[in-house]
Amino acid sequence: MFGLRKKVKESKDAIYLMNVLEQSNKVAHDFMTFGLSEEELQMYDTEKCQEIQFEYEIAMLGIFSYMVASLNGYEVAVKMVEIYRINVEKCVEENLPNNIMPEDAVEKANQYYQKARFISEELMSQEKGLDTILHTLAENIFYWIGTGIKESDVGFVQFILEDLYKEAFEQLRK
């Protein structure tokens, strides 16, 4: 009975945390330029901008699932990625950017998870604090998605990462 109760809590936590991530992605879409200049925004077609935003979402999933796993929520992180895969499957008919398939999106999220893990562990070994780690991850997102870095976007992503970390910490403490 205890095992079943634990699995139900993990699923509820994963659903809640994925909703938090989706809300933060919506805010980012409304207020960020994703490291692009005004000229690039005007030059790129809508499809290119959607590709960049989709890549950002995958990177954020990778980072956030790493955060959740590092807070002793590994099973919750696995369920979050599974929820994401199911959501991508539902959207395949809507022509996702680059015709990405759900398995590819999950593989990319796992690659970003590993990058976040490597950066975080490296900075922790140097006794750097959470602020430094989150700032470095926020900066790296723009390298990973292949856009330029605008300090205002980095600060915004760092704020989002801080909020996500707090949400995960609170949810997994319950």
Foldseek 3Di string as FASTA:
>chain_A
DVVVVVVVLLLVLLVVLLVLLVVLLVVCVVPHPLQDDPVVVVVDDPLVSQLLSLLLSLLVLLLLLLLLVVLVSVVSSVSNLVVVLVVVCVCLVVPHRVSDHSVRSSVSSPVSNVVLVVLVVVVVVVVDDPLVSLLVSLQVSSVSSPHHDDPVSSVSSSVSVVVSSVSSNVSVVD
